[in-house]
Full PDB file with SEQRES, HELIX, SHEET, SSBOND, CRYST1, ORIGX, SCALE, CONECT and MASTER records, all heavy atoms in Angstrom:
SEQRES   1 A   39  ILE HIS ARG VAL LEU GLN ASP ALA LEU LYS HIS ASN LYS          
SEQRES   2 A   39  GLN LYS ASP ASP LEU TYR VAL ARG TYR GLU ASN ILE LEU          
SEQRES   3 A   39  ARG LYS ALA THR GLU LYS GLU ILE ALA ALA MET GLU ALA          
HELIX    1 AA1 HIS A    2  LYS A   10  1                                   9    
HELIX    2 AA2 LEU A   18  GLU A   38  1                                  21    
CRYST1    1.000    1.000    1.000  90.00  90.00  90.00 P 1           1          
ORIGX1      1.000000  0.000000  0.000000        0.00000                         
ORIGX2      0.000000  1.000000  0.000000        0.00000                         
ORIGX3      0.000000  0.000000  1.000000        0.00000                         
SCALE1      1.000000  0.000000  0.000000        0.00000                         
SCALE2      0.000000  1.000000  0.000000        0.00000                         
SCALE3      0.000000  0.000000  1.000000        0.00000                         
ATOM      1  N   ILE A   1     171.415 -45.340  14.989  1.00  0.00           N  
ATOM      2  CA  ILE A   1     172.241 -44.158  15.281  1.00  0.00           C  
ATOM      3  C   ILE A   1     173.651 -44.330  14.713  1.00  0.00           C  
ATOM      4  O   ILE A   1     174.278 -43.370  14.270  1.00  0.00           O  
ATOM      5  CB  ILE A   1     172.259 -43.820  16.792  1.00  0.00           C  
ATOM      6  CG1 ILE A   1     172.584 -42.326  17.026  1.00  0.00           C  
ATOM      7  CG2 ILE A   1     173.263 -44.638  17.578  1.00  0.00           C  
ATOM      8  CD1 ILE A   1     171.466 -41.393  16.793  1.00  0.00           C  
ATOM      9  N   HIS A   2     174.159 -45.565  14.672  1.00  0.00           N  
ATOM     10  CA  HIS A   2     175.466 -45.825  14.048  1.00  0.00           C  
ATOM     11  C   HIS A   2     175.417 -45.510  12.552  1.00  0.00           C  
ATOM     12  O   HIS A   2     176.381 -44.973  11.997  1.00  0.00           O  
ATOM     13  CB  HIS A   2     175.884 -47.279  14.281  1.00  0.00           C  
ATOM     14  CG  HIS A   2     176.593 -47.476  15.585  1.00  0.00           C  
ATOM     15  ND1 HIS A   2     177.925 -47.759  15.671  1.00  0.00           N  
ATOM     16  CD2 HIS A   2     176.144 -47.407  16.859  1.00  0.00           C  
ATOM     17  CE1 HIS A   2     178.276 -47.862  16.954  1.00  0.00           C  
ATOM     18  NE2 HIS A   2     177.206 -47.659  17.691  1.00  0.00           N  
ATOM     19  N   ARG A   3     174.299 -45.828  11.918  1.00  0.00           N  
ATOM     20  CA  ARG A   3     174.149 -45.526  10.483  1.00  0.00           C  
ATOM     21  C   ARG A   3     174.083 -44.019  10.243  1.00  0.00           C  
ATOM     22  O   ARG A   3     174.699 -43.507   9.308  1.00  0.00           O  
ATOM     23  CB  ARG A   3     172.886 -46.210   9.941  1.00  0.00           C  
ATOM     24  CG  ARG A   3     173.040 -47.718   9.835  1.00  0.00           C  
ATOM     25  CD  ARG A   3     171.714 -48.384   9.502  1.00  0.00           C  
ATOM     26  NE  ARG A   3     171.895 -49.836   9.389  1.00  0.00           N  
ATOM     27  CZ  ARG A   3     170.914 -50.717   9.471  1.00  0.00           C  
ATOM     28  NH1 ARG A   3     169.678 -50.297   9.701  1.00  0.00           N  
ATOM     29  NH2 ARG A   3     171.150 -52.007   9.349  1.00  0.00           N  
ATOM     30  N   VAL A   4     173.335 -43.333  11.097  1.00  0.00           N  
ATOM     31  CA  VAL A   4     173.238 -41.861  10.979  1.00  0.00           C  
ATOM     32  C   VAL A   4     174.620 -41.241  11.174  1.00  0.00           C  
ATOM     33  O   VAL A   4     175.035 -40.348  10.433  1.00  0.00           O  
ATOM     34  CB  VAL A   4     172.235 -41.288  12.008  1.00  0.00           C  
ATOM     35  CG1 VAL A   4     172.262 -39.758  11.999  1.00  0.00           C  
ATOM     36  CG2 VAL A   4     170.821 -41.788  11.718  1.00  0.00           C  
ATOM     37  N   LEU A   5     175.328 -41.731  12.180  1.00  0.00           N  
ATOM     38  CA  LEU A   5     176.663 -41.209  12.498  1.00  0.00           C  
ATOM     39  C   LEU A   5     177.636 -41.454  11.340  1.00  0.00           C  
ATOM     40  O   LEU A   5     178.420 -40.575  10.967  1.00  0.00           O  
ATOM     41  CB  LEU A   5     177.172 -41.870  13.782  1.00  0.00           C  
ATOM     42  CG  LEU A   5     178.470 -41.350  14.391  1.00  0.00           C  
ATOM     43  CD1 LEU A   5     178.379 -39.864  14.714  1.00  0.00           C  
ATOM     44  CD2 LEU A   5     178.821 -42.137  15.643  1.00  0.00           C  
ATOM     45  N   GLN A   6     177.566 -42.652  10.778  1.00  0.00           N  
ATOM     46  CA  GLN A   6     178.448 -42.990   9.650  1.00  0.00           C  
ATOM     47  C   GLN A   6     178.183 -42.071   8.445  1.00  0.00           C  
ATOM     48  O   GLN A   6     179.118 -41.576   7.807  1.00  0.00           O  
ATOM     49  CB  GLN A   6     178.219 -44.455   9.249  1.00  0.00           C  
ATOM     50  CG  GLN A   6     179.324 -45.025   8.370  1.00  0.00           C  
ATOM     51  CD  GLN A   6     179.189 -46.520   8.197  1.00  0.00           C  
ATOM     52  OE1 GLN A   6     178.081 -47.027   8.072  1.00  0.00           O  
ATOM     53  NE2 GLN A   6     180.306 -47.239   8.191  1.00  0.00           N  
ATOM     54  N   ASP A   7     176.898 -41.850   8.165  1.00  0.00           N  
ATOM     55  CA  ASP A   7     176.552 -40.940   7.060  1.00  0.00           C  
ATOM     56  C   ASP A   7     177.053 -39.528   7.328  1.00  0.00           C  
ATOM     57  O   ASP A   7     177.551 -38.837   6.423  1.00  0.00           O  
ATOM     58  CB  ASP A   7     175.031 -40.909   6.844  1.00  0.00           C  
ATOM     59  CG  ASP A   7     174.530 -42.153   6.111  1.00  0.00           C  
ATOM     60  OD1 ASP A   7     175.364 -42.834   5.466  1.00  0.00           O  
ATOM     61  OD2 ASP A   7     173.318 -42.440   6.179  1.00  0.00           O  
ATOM     62  N   ALA A   8     176.916 -39.085   8.582  1.00  0.00           N  
ATOM     63  CA  ALA A   8     177.368 -37.729   8.942  1.00  0.00           C  
ATOM     64  C   ALA A   8     178.880 -37.595   8.774  1.00  0.00           C  
ATOM     65  O   ALA A   8     179.368 -36.586   8.239  1.00  0.00           O  
ATOM     66  CB  ALA A   8     176.975 -37.427  10.382  1.00  0.00           C  
ATOM     67  N   LEU A   9     179.621 -38.618   9.212  1.00  0.00           N  
ATOM     68  CA  LEU A   9     181.089 -38.562   9.127  1.00  0.00           C  
ATOM     69  C   LEU A   9     181.578 -38.670   7.684  1.00  0.00           C  
ATOM     70  O   LEU A   9     182.632 -38.131   7.333  1.00  0.00           O  
ATOM     71  CB  LEU A   9     181.707 -39.676   9.981  1.00  0.00           C  
ATOM     72  CG  LEU A   9     181.459 -39.562  11.492  1.00  0.00           C  
ATOM     73  CD1 LEU A   9     181.966 -40.799  12.226  1.00  0.00           C  
ATOM     74  CD2 LEU A   9     182.106 -38.312  12.077  1.00  0.00           C  
ATOM     75  N   LYS A  10     180.810 -39.358   6.838  1.00  0.00           N  
ATOM     76  CA  LYS A  10     181.197 -39.503   5.424  1.00  0.00           C  
ATOM     77  C   LYS A  10     180.557 -38.439   4.532  1.00  0.00           C  
ATOM     78  O   LYS A  10     180.744 -38.439   3.320  1.00  0.00           O  
ATOM     79  CB  LYS A  10     180.786 -40.895   4.921  1.00  0.00           C  
ATOM     80  CG  LYS A  10     181.633 -42.025   5.492  1.00  0.00           C  
ATOM     81  CD  LYS A  10     181.199 -43.349   4.896  1.00  0.00           C  
ATOM     82  CE  LYS A  10     182.095 -44.479   5.386  1.00  0.00           C  
ATOM     83  NZ  LYS A  10     181.657 -45.787   4.835  1.00  0.00           N  
ATOM     84  N   HIS A  11     179.765 -37.561   5.155  1.00  0.00           N  
ATOM     85  CA  HIS A  11     179.049 -36.486   4.446  1.00  0.00           C  
ATOM     86  C   HIS A  11     178.085 -37.046   3.396  1.00  0.00           C  
ATOM     87  O   HIS A  11     177.888 -36.462   2.324  1.00  0.00           O  
ATOM     88  CB  HIS A  11     180.042 -35.498   3.794  1.00  0.00           C  
ATOM     89  CG  HIS A  11     181.016 -34.927   4.771  1.00  0.00           C  
ATOM     90  ND1 HIS A  11     180.662 -33.979   5.717  1.00  0.00           N  
ATOM     91  CD2 HIS A  11     182.330 -35.186   4.969  1.00  0.00           C  
ATOM     92  CE1 HIS A  11     181.723 -33.674   6.455  1.00  0.00           C  
ATOM     93  NE2 HIS A  11     182.754 -34.402   6.019  1.00  0.00           N  
ATOM     94  N   ASN A  12     177.470 -38.208   3.698  1.00  0.00           N  
ATOM     95  CA  ASN A  12     176.457 -38.781   2.803  1.00  0.00           C  
ATOM     96  C   ASN A  12     175.137 -38.056   3.023  1.00  0.00           C  
ATOM     97  O   ASN A  12     174.736 -37.819   4.161  1.00  0.00           O  
ATOM     98  CB  ASN A  12     176.248 -40.271   3.098  1.00  0.00           C  
ATOM     99  CG  ASN A  12     177.470 -41.097   2.756  1.00  0.00           C  
ATOM    100  OD1 ASN A  12     178.302 -40.680   1.956  1.00  0.00           O  
ATOM    101  ND2 ASN A  12     177.584 -42.273   3.358  1.00  0.00           N  
ATOM    102  N   LYS A  13     174.458 -37.727   1.922  1.00  0.00           N  
ATOM    103  CA  LYS A  13     173.168 -37.033   2.030  1.00  0.00           C  
ATOM    104  C   LYS A  13     172.082 -38.023   2.473  1.00  0.00           C  
ATOM    105  O   LYS A  13     171.977 -39.120   1.946  1.00  0.00           O  
ATOM    106  CB  LYS A  13     172.791 -36.431   0.669  1.00  0.00           C  
ATOM    107  CG  LYS A  13     171.649 -35.427   0.728  1.00  0.00           C  
ATOM    108  CD  LYS A  13     171.452 -34.777  -0.631  1.00  0.00           C  
ATOM    109  CE  LYS A  13     170.380 -33.695  -0.575  1.00  0.00           C  
ATOM    110  NZ  LYS A  13     169.059 -34.181  -0.216  1.00  0.00           N  
ATOM    111  N   GLN A  14     171.306 -37.618   3.468  1.00  0.00           N  
ATOM    112  CA  GLN A  14     170.229 -38.488   3.940  1.00  0.00           C  
ATOM    113  C   GLN A  14     169.081 -38.545   2.934  1.00  0.00           C  
ATOM    114  O   GLN A  14     168.768 -37.551   2.280  1.00  0.00           O  
ATOM    115  CB  GLN A  14     169.700 -37.990   5.295  1.00  0.00           C  
ATOM    116  CG  GLN A  14     170.665 -38.213   6.447  1.00  0.00           C  
ATOM    117  CD  GLN A  14     170.047 -37.840   7.781  1.00  0.00           C  
ATOM    118  OE1 GLN A  14     169.205 -36.949   7.870  1.00  0.00           O  
ATOM    119  NE2 GLN A  14     170.476 -38.515   8.843  1.00  0.00           N  
ATOM    120  N   LYS A  15     168.449 -39.726   2.825  1.00  0.00           N  
ATOM    121  CA  LYS A  15     167.326 -39.879   1.894  1.00  0.00           C  
ATOM    122  C   LYS A  15     166.108 -39.107   2.398  1.00  0.00           C  
ATOM    123  O   LYS A  15     165.901 -38.961   3.603  1.00  0.00           O  
ATOM    124  CB  LYS A  15     166.989 -41.367   1.731  1.00  0.00           C  
ATOM    125  CG  LYS A  15     168.078 -42.125   0.965  1.00  0.00           C  
ATOM    126  CD  LYS A  15     167.726 -43.588   0.834  1.00  0.00           C  
ATOM    127  CE  LYS A  15     168.857 -44.314   0.080  1.00  0.00           C  
ATOM    128  NZ  LYS A  15     168.630 -45.764   0.019  1.00  0.00           N  
ATOM    129  N   ASP A  16     165.286 -38.650   1.467  1.00  0.00           N  
ATOM    130  CA  ASP A  16     164.146 -37.793   1.810  1.00  0.00           C  
ATOM    131  C   ASP A  16     163.114 -38.492   2.684  1.00  0.00           C  
ATOM    132  O   ASP A  16     162.446 -37.860   3.505  1.00  0.00           O  
ATOM    133  CB  ASP A  16     163.460 -37.285   0.524  1.00  0.00           C  
ATOM    134  CG  ASP A  16     164.359 -36.333  -0.253  1.00  0.00           C  
ATOM    135  OD1 ASP A  16     165.249 -35.724   0.382  1.00  0.00           O  
ATOM    136  OD2 ASP A  16     164.200 -36.209  -1.482  1.00  0.00           O  
ATOM    137  N   ASP A  17     162.944 -39.830   2.523  1.00  0.00           N  
ATOM    138  CA  ASP A  17     161.909 -40.537   3.276  1.00  0.00           C  
ATOM    139  C   ASP A  17     162.408 -41.060   4.624  1.00  0.00           C  
ATOM    140  O   ASP A  17     161.701 -41.801   5.307  1.00  0.00           O  
ATOM    141  CB  ASP A  17     161.362 -41.693   2.442  1.00  0.00           C  
ATOM    142  CG  ASP A  17     162.396 -42.804   2.239  1.00  0.00           C  
ATOM    143  OD1 ASP A  17     163.606 -42.499   2.345  1.00  0.00           O  
ATOM    144  OD2 ASP A  17     162.000 -43.953   1.978  1.00  0.00           O  
ATOM    145  N   LEU A  18     163.637 -40.682   5.005  1.00  0.00           N  
ATOM    146  CA  LEU A  18     164.247 -41.244   6.213  1.00  0.00           C  
ATOM    147  C   LEU A  18     163.453 -40.921   7.471  1.00  0.00           C  
ATOM    148  O   LEU A  18     163.269 -41.782   8.330  1.00  0.00           O  
ATOM    149  CB  LEU A  18     165.693 -40.740   6.365  1.00  0.00           C  
ATOM    150  CG  LEU A  18     166.530 -41.499   7.390  1.00  0.00           C  
ATOM    151  CD1 LEU A  18     166.781 -42.930   6.933  1.00  0.00           C  
ATOM    152  CD2 LEU A  18     167.858 -40.797   7.651  1.00  0.00           C  
ATOM    153  N   TYR A  19     162.944 -39.689   7.570  1.00  0.00           N  
ATOM    154  CA  TYR A  19     162.210 -39.267   8.770  1.00  0.00           C  
ATOM    155  C   TYR A  19     161.007 -40.172   9.026  1.00  0.00           C  
ATOM    156  O   TYR A  19     160.818 -40.684  10.136  1.00  0.00           O  
ATOM    157  CB  TYR A  19     161.762 -37.802   8.631  1.00  0.00           C  
ATOM    158  CG  TYR A  19     160.749 -37.386   9.671  1.00  0.00           C  
ATOM    159  CD1 TYR A  19     161.141 -37.115  10.979  1.00  0.00           C  
ATOM    160  CD2 TYR A  19     159.390 -37.303   9.351  1.00  0.00           C  
ATOM    161  CE1 TYR A  19     160.210 -36.759  11.947  1.00  0.00           C  
ATOM    162  CE2 TYR A  19     158.452 -36.953  10.312  1.00  0.00           C  
ATOM    163  CZ  TYR A  19     158.870 -36.682  11.606  1.00  0.00           C  
ATOM    164  OH  TYR A  19     157.942 -36.342  12.556  1.00  0.00           O  
ATOM    165  N   VAL A  20     160.180 -40.387   7.983  1.00  0.00           N  
ATOM    166  CA  VAL A  20     158.965 -41.195   8.131  1.00  0.00           C  
ATOM    167  C   VAL A  20     159.340 -42.638   8.468  1.00  0.00           C  
ATOM    168  O   VAL A  20     158.740 -43.258   9.359  1.00  0.00           O  
ATOM    169  CB  VAL A  20     158.104 -41.149   6.843  1.00  0.00           C  
ATOM    170  CG1 VAL A  20     156.908 -42.087   6.959  1.00  0.00           C  
ATOM    171  CG2 VAL A  20     157.634 -39.719   6.582  1.00  0.00           C  
ATOM    172  N   ARG A  21     160.328 -43.211   7.769  1.00  0.00           N  
ATOM    173  CA  ARG A  21     160.745 -44.600   8.020  1.00  0.00           C  
ATOM    174  C   ARG A  21     161.267 -44.763   9.438  1.00  0.00           C  
ATOM    175  O   ARG A  21     160.898 -45.688  10.152  1.00  0.00           O  
ATOM    176  CB  ARG A  21     161.835 -45.008   7.009  1.00  0.00           C  
ATOM    177  CG  ARG A  21     161.286 -45.365   5.640  1.00  0.00           C  
ATOM    178  CD  ARG A  21     162.260 -46.217   4.827  1.00  0.00           C  
ATOM    179  NE  ARG A  21     163.512 -45.515   4.561  1.00  0.00           N  
ATOM    180  CZ  ARG A  21     164.697 -45.938   4.970  1.00  0.00           C  
ATOM    181  NH1 ARG A  21     164.802 -47.052   5.684  1.00  0.00           N  
ATOM    182  NH2 ARG A  21     165.787 -45.268   4.683  1.00  0.00           N  
ATOM    183  N   TYR A  22     162.134 -43.824   9.850  1.00  0.00           N  
ATOM    184  CA  TYR A  22     162.725 -43.926  11.185  1.00  0.00           C  
ATOM    185  C   TYR A  22     161.686 -43.753  12.292  1.00  0.00           C  
ATOM    186  O   TYR A  22     161.730 -44.439  13.304  1.00  0.00           O  
ATOM    187  CB  TYR A  22     163.860 -42.897  11.337  1.00  0.00           C  
ATOM    188  CG  TYR A  22     165.220 -43.466  11.002  1.00  0.00           C  
ATOM    189  CD1 TYR A  22     165.365 -44.492  10.082  1.00  0.00           C  
ATOM    190  CD2 TYR A  22     166.377 -42.990  11.615  1.00  0.00           C  
ATOM    191  CE1 TYR A  22     166.609 -45.019   9.778  1.00  0.00           C  
ATOM    192  CE2 TYR A  22     167.634 -43.513  11.320  1.00  0.00           C  
ATOM    193  CZ  TYR A  22     167.741 -44.529  10.400  1.00  0.00           C  
ATOM    194  OH  TYR A  22     168.967 -45.064  10.109  1.00  0.00           O  
ATOM    195  N   GLU A  23     160.760 -42.834  12.076  1.00  0.00           N  
ATOM    196  CA  GLU A  23     159.732 -42.601  13.108  1.00  0.00           C  
ATOM    197  C   GLU A  23     158.891 -43.860  13.317  1.00  0.00           C  
ATOM    198  O   GLU A  23     158.575 -44.222  14.447  1.00  0.00           O  
ATOM    199  CB  GLU A  23     158.853 -41.413  12.691  1.00  0.00           C  
ATOM    200  CG  GLU A  23     158.062 -40.786  13.831  1.00  0.00           C  
ATOM    201  CD  GLU A  23     158.903 -40.323  15.014  1.00  0.00           C  
ATOM    202  OE1 GLU A  23     159.917 -39.624  14.812  1.00  0.00           O  
ATOM    203  OE2 GLU A  23     158.538 -40.679  16.150  1.00  0.00           O  
ATOM    204  N   ASN A  24     158.544 -44.551  12.221  1.00  0.00           N  
ATOM    205  CA  ASN A  24     157.773 -45.803  12.325  1.00  0.00           C  
ATOM    206  C   ASN A  24     158.576 -46.886  13.038  1.00  0.00           C  
ATOM    207  O   ASN A  24     158.052 -47.599  13.892  1.00  0.00           O  
ATOM    208  CB  ASN A  24     157.376 -46.298  10.920  1.00  0.00           C  
ATOM    209  CG  ASN A  24     156.238 -45.481  10.336  1.00  0.00           C  
ATOM    210  OD1 ASN A  24     155.431 -44.923  11.070  1.00  0.00           O  
ATOM    211  ND2 ASN A  24     156.169 -45.400   9.018  1.00  0.00           N  
ATOM    212  N   ILE A  25     159.848 -47.018  12.664  1.00  0.00           N  
ATOM    213  CA  ILE A  25     160.705 -48.036  13.282  1.00  0.00           C  
ATOM    214  C   ILE A  25     160.873 -47.764  14.776  1.00  0.00           C  
ATOM    215  O   ILE A  25     160.803 -48.670  15.604  1.00  0.00           O  
ATOM    216  CB  ILE A  25     162.092 -48.078  12.591  1.00  0.00           C  
ATOM    217  CG1 ILE A  25     161.957 -48.599  11.154  1.00  0.00           C  
ATOM    218  CG2 ILE A  25     163.061 -48.981  13.368  1.00  0.00           C  
ATOM    219  CD1 ILE A  25     163.209 -48.409  10.313  1.00  0.00           C  
ATOM    220  N   LEU A  26     161.068 -46.490  15.138  1.00  0.00           N  
ATOM    221  CA  LEU A  26     161.311 -46.131  16.543  1.00  0.00           C  
ATOM    222  C   LEU A  26     160.071 -46.336  17.402  1.00  0.00           C  
ATOM    223  O   LEU A  26     160.177 -46.698  18.577  1.00  0.00           O  
ATOM    224  CB  LEU A  26     161.815 -44.690  16.647  1.00  0.00           C  
ATOM    225  CG  LEU A  26     163.209 -44.469  16.048  1.00  0.00           C  
ATOM    226  CD1 LEU A  26     163.558 -42.988  16.015  1.00  0.00           C  
ATOM    227  CD2 LEU A  26     164.277 -45.234  16.825  1.00  0.00           C  
ATOM    228  N   ARG A  27     158.903 -46.119  16.804  1.00  0.00           N  
ATOM    229  CA  ARG A  27     157.662 -46.390  17.551  1.00  0.00           C  
ATOM    230  C   ARG A  27     157.565 -47.882  17.872  1.00  0.00           C  
ATOM    231  O   ARG A  27     157.230 -48.276  18.992  1.00  0.00           O  
ATOM    232  CB  ARG A  27     156.445 -45.933  16.731  1.00  0.00           C  
ATOM    233  CG  ARG A  27     155.144 -45.962  17.539  1.00  0.00           C  
ATOM    234  CD  ARG A  27     153.934 -45.555  16.744  1.00  0.00           C  
ATOM    235  NE  ARG A  27     153.589 -46.534  15.729  1.00  0.00           N  
ATOM    236  CZ  ARG A  27     153.750 -46.361  14.424  1.00  0.00           C  
ATOM    237  NH1 ARG A  27     154.265 -45.229  13.962  1.00  0.00           N  
ATOM    238  NH2 ARG A  27     153.409 -47.300  13.561  1.00  0.00           N  
ATOM    239  N   LYS A  28     157.891 -48.723  16.883  1.00  0.00           N  
ATOM    240  CA  LYS A  28     157.857 -50.180  17.103  1.00  0.00           C  
ATOM    241  C   LYS A  28     158.937 -50.601  18.098  1.00  0.00           C  
ATOM    242  O   LYS A  28     158.717 -51.489  18.922  1.00  0.00           O  
ATOM    243  CB  LYS A  28     158.049 -50.911  15.770  1.00  0.00           C  
ATOM    244  CG  LYS A  28     156.810 -50.871  14.896  1.00  0.00           C  
ATOM    245  CD  LYS A  28     157.080 -51.497  13.539  1.00  0.00           C  
ATOM    246  CE  LYS A  28     155.874 -51.288  12.616  1.00  0.00           C  
ATOM    247  NZ  LYS A  28     156.185 -51.665  11.230  1.00  0.00           N  
ATOM    248  N   ALA A  29     160.115 -49.970  18.005  1.00  0.00           N  
ATOM    249  CA  ALA A  29     161.215 -50.297  18.937  1.00  0.00           C  
ATOM    250  C   ALA A  29     160.808 -50.001  20.379  1.00  0.00           C  
ATOM    251  O   ALA A  29     161.119 -50.771  21.296  1.00  0.00           O  
ATOM    252  CB  ALA A  29     162.463 -49.508  18.570  1.00  0.00           C  
ATOM    253  N   THR A  30     160.098 -48.893  20.585  1.00  0.00           N  
ATOM    254  CA  THR A  30     159.608 -48.531  21.920  1.00  0.00           C  
ATOM    255  C   THR A  30     158.614 -49.575  22.427  1.00  0.00           C  
ATOM    256  O   THR A  30     158.685 -50.012  23.576  1.00  0.00           O  
ATOM    257  CB  THR A  30     158.942 -47.137  21.895  1.00  0.00           C  
ATOM    258  OG1 THR A  30     159.906 -46.159  21.478  1.00  0.00           O  
ATOM    259  CG2 THR A  30     158.409 -46.749  23.266  1.00  0.00           C  
ATOM    260  N   GLU A  31     157.683 -49.996  21.530  1.00  0.00           N  
ATOM    261  CA  GLU A  31     156.688 -51.012  21.912  1.00  0.00           C  
ATOM    262  C   GLU A  31     157.373 -52.324  22.307  1.00  0.00           C  
ATOM    263  O   GLU A  31     157.007 -52.950  23.300  1.00  0.00           O  
ATOM    264  CB  GLU A  31     155.726 -51.264  20.747  1.00  0.00           C  
ATOM    265  CG  GLU A  31     154.750 -50.118  20.493  1.00  0.00           C  
ATOM    266  CD  GLU A  31     153.990 -50.276  19.183  1.00  0.00           C  
ATOM    267  OE1 GLU A  31     154.138 -51.347  18.536  1.00  0.00           O  
ATOM    268  OE2 GLU A  31     153.272 -49.341  18.799  1.00  0.00           O  
ATOM    269  N   LYS A  32     158.372 -52.734  21.514  1.00  0.00           N  
ATOM    270  CA  LYS A  32     159.082 -53.992  21.777  1.00  0.00           C  
ATOM    271  C   LYS A  32     159.882 -53.904  23.080  1.00  0.00           C  
ATOM    272  O   LYS A  32     159.987 -54.877  23.824  1.00  0.00           O  
ATOM    273  CB  LYS A  32     160.028 -54.333  20.622  1.00  0.00           C  
ATOM    274  CG  LYS A  32     159.313 -54.695  19.327  1.00  0.00           C  
ATOM    275  CD  LYS A  32     158.532 -55.979  19.466  1.00  0.00           C  
ATOM    276  CE  LYS A  32     157.834 -56.356  18.172  1.00  0.00           C  
ATOM    277  NZ  LYS A  32     156.878 -57.453  18.366  1.00  0.00           N  
ATOM    278  N   GLU A  33     160.457 -52.721  23.342  1.00  0.00           N  
ATOM    279  CA  GLU A  33     161.239 -52.549  24.572  1.00  0.00           C  
ATOM    280  C   GLU A  33     160.340 -52.689  25.798  1.00  0.00           C  
ATOM    281  O   GLU A  33     160.702 -53.359  26.776  1.00  0.00           O  
ATOM    282  CB  GLU A  33     161.906 -51.169  24.570  1.00  0.00           C  
ATOM    283  CG  GLU A  33     162.792 -50.970  25.769  1.00  0.00           C  
ATOM    284  CD  GLU A  33     162.995 -49.522  26.139  1.00  0.00           C  
ATOM    285  OE1 GLU A  33     162.120 -48.682  25.832  1.00  0.00           O  
ATOM    286  OE2 GLU A  33     164.026 -49.232  26.735  1.00  0.00           O  
ATOM    287  N   ILE A  34     159.149 -52.084  25.754  1.00  0.00           N  
ATOM    288  CA  ILE A  34     158.204 -52.171  26.871  1.00  0.00           C  
ATOM    289  C   ILE A  34     157.770 -53.624  27.072  1.00  0.00           C  
ATOM    290  O   ILE A  34     157.713 -54.125  28.201  1.00  0.00           O  
ATOM    291  CB  ILE A  34     156.989 -51.242  26.634  1.00  0.00           C  
ATOM    292  CG1 ILE A  34     157.434 -49.771  26.701  1.00  0.00           C  
ATOM    293  CG2 ILE A  34     155.874 -51.516  27.650  1.00  0.00           C  
ATOM    294  CD1 ILE A  34     156.415 -48.776  26.167  1.00  0.00           C  
ATOM    295  N   ALA A  35     157.503 -54.325  25.955  1.00  0.00           N  
ATOM    296  CA  ALA A  35     157.100 -55.739  26.036  1.00  0.00           C  
ATOM    297  C   ALA A  35     158.214 -56.586  26.644  1.00  0.00           C  
ATOM    298  O   ALA A  35     157.960 -57.484  27.459  1.00  0.00           O  
ATOM    299  CB  ALA A  35     156.736 -56.262  24.650  1.00  0.00           C  
ATOM    300  N   ALA A  36     159.451 -56.304  26.264  1.00  0.00           N  
ATOM    301  CA  ALA A  36     160.606 -57.050  26.791  1.00  0.00           C  
ATOM    302  C   ALA A  36     160.774 -56.813  28.292  1.00  0.00           C  
ATOM    303  O   ALA A  36     161.053 -57.741  29.054  1.00  0.00           O  
ATOM    304  CB  ALA A  36     161.875 -56.649  26.055  1.00  0.00           C  
ATOM    305  N   MET A  37     160.592 -55.552  28.725  1.00  0.00           N  
ATOM    306  CA  MET A  37     160.709 -55.225  30.152  1.00  0.00           C  
ATOM    307  C   MET A  37     159.627 -55.937  30.965  1.00  0.00           C  
ATOM    308  O   MET A  37     159.877 -56.448  32.055  1.00  0.00           O  
ATOM    309  CB  MET A  37     160.604 -53.712  30.354  1.00  0.00           C  
ATOM    310  CG  MET A  37     161.874 -52.965  29.996  1.00  0.00           C  
ATOM    311  SD  MET A  37     161.641 -51.177  29.940  1.00  0.00           S  
ATOM    312  CE  MET A  37     161.220 -50.817  31.624  1.00  0.00           C  
ATOM    313  N   GLU A  38     158.404 -55.960  30.421  1.00  0.00           N  
ATOM    314  CA  GLU A  38     157.303 -56.639  31.112  1.00  0.00           C  
ATOM    315  C   GLU A  38     157.558 -58.144  31.192  1.00  0.00           C  
ATOM    316  O   GLU A  38     157.284 -58.782  32.214  1.00  0.00           O  
ATOM    317  CB  GLU A  38     155.976 -56.356  30.393  1.00  0.00           C  
ATOM    318  CG  GLU A  38     155.474 -54.939  30.628  1.00  0.00           C  
ATOM    319  CD  GLU A  38     154.258 -54.583  29.788  1.00  0.00           C  
ATOM    320  OE1 GLU A  38     153.837 -55.407  28.942  1.00  0.00           O  
ATOM    321  OE2 GLU A  38     153.729 -53.463  29.973  1.00  0.00           O  
ATOM    322  N   ALA A  39     158.109 -58.711  30.103  1.00  0.00           N  
ATOM    323  CA  ALA A  39     158.430 -60.148  30.084  1.00  0.00           C  
ATOM    324  C   ALA A  39     159.502 -60.468  31.127  1.00  0.00           C  
ATOM    325  O   ALA A  39     159.423 -61.483  31.828  1.00  0.00           O  
ATOM    326  CB  ALA A  39     158.902 -60.564  28.698  1.00  0.00           C  
TER     327      ALA A  39                                                      
MASTER        0    0    0    2    0    0    0    6  326    1    0    3          
END                                                                             
């Protein structure tokens, strides 16, 4: 989110594949968070 915010404040155009990459990363982040909570 810091990277997204930085791009927004600098008016940098987001890359076309960002949605797919971010969605995959966020799914893994959710899985890791659940595993960490269980641990």
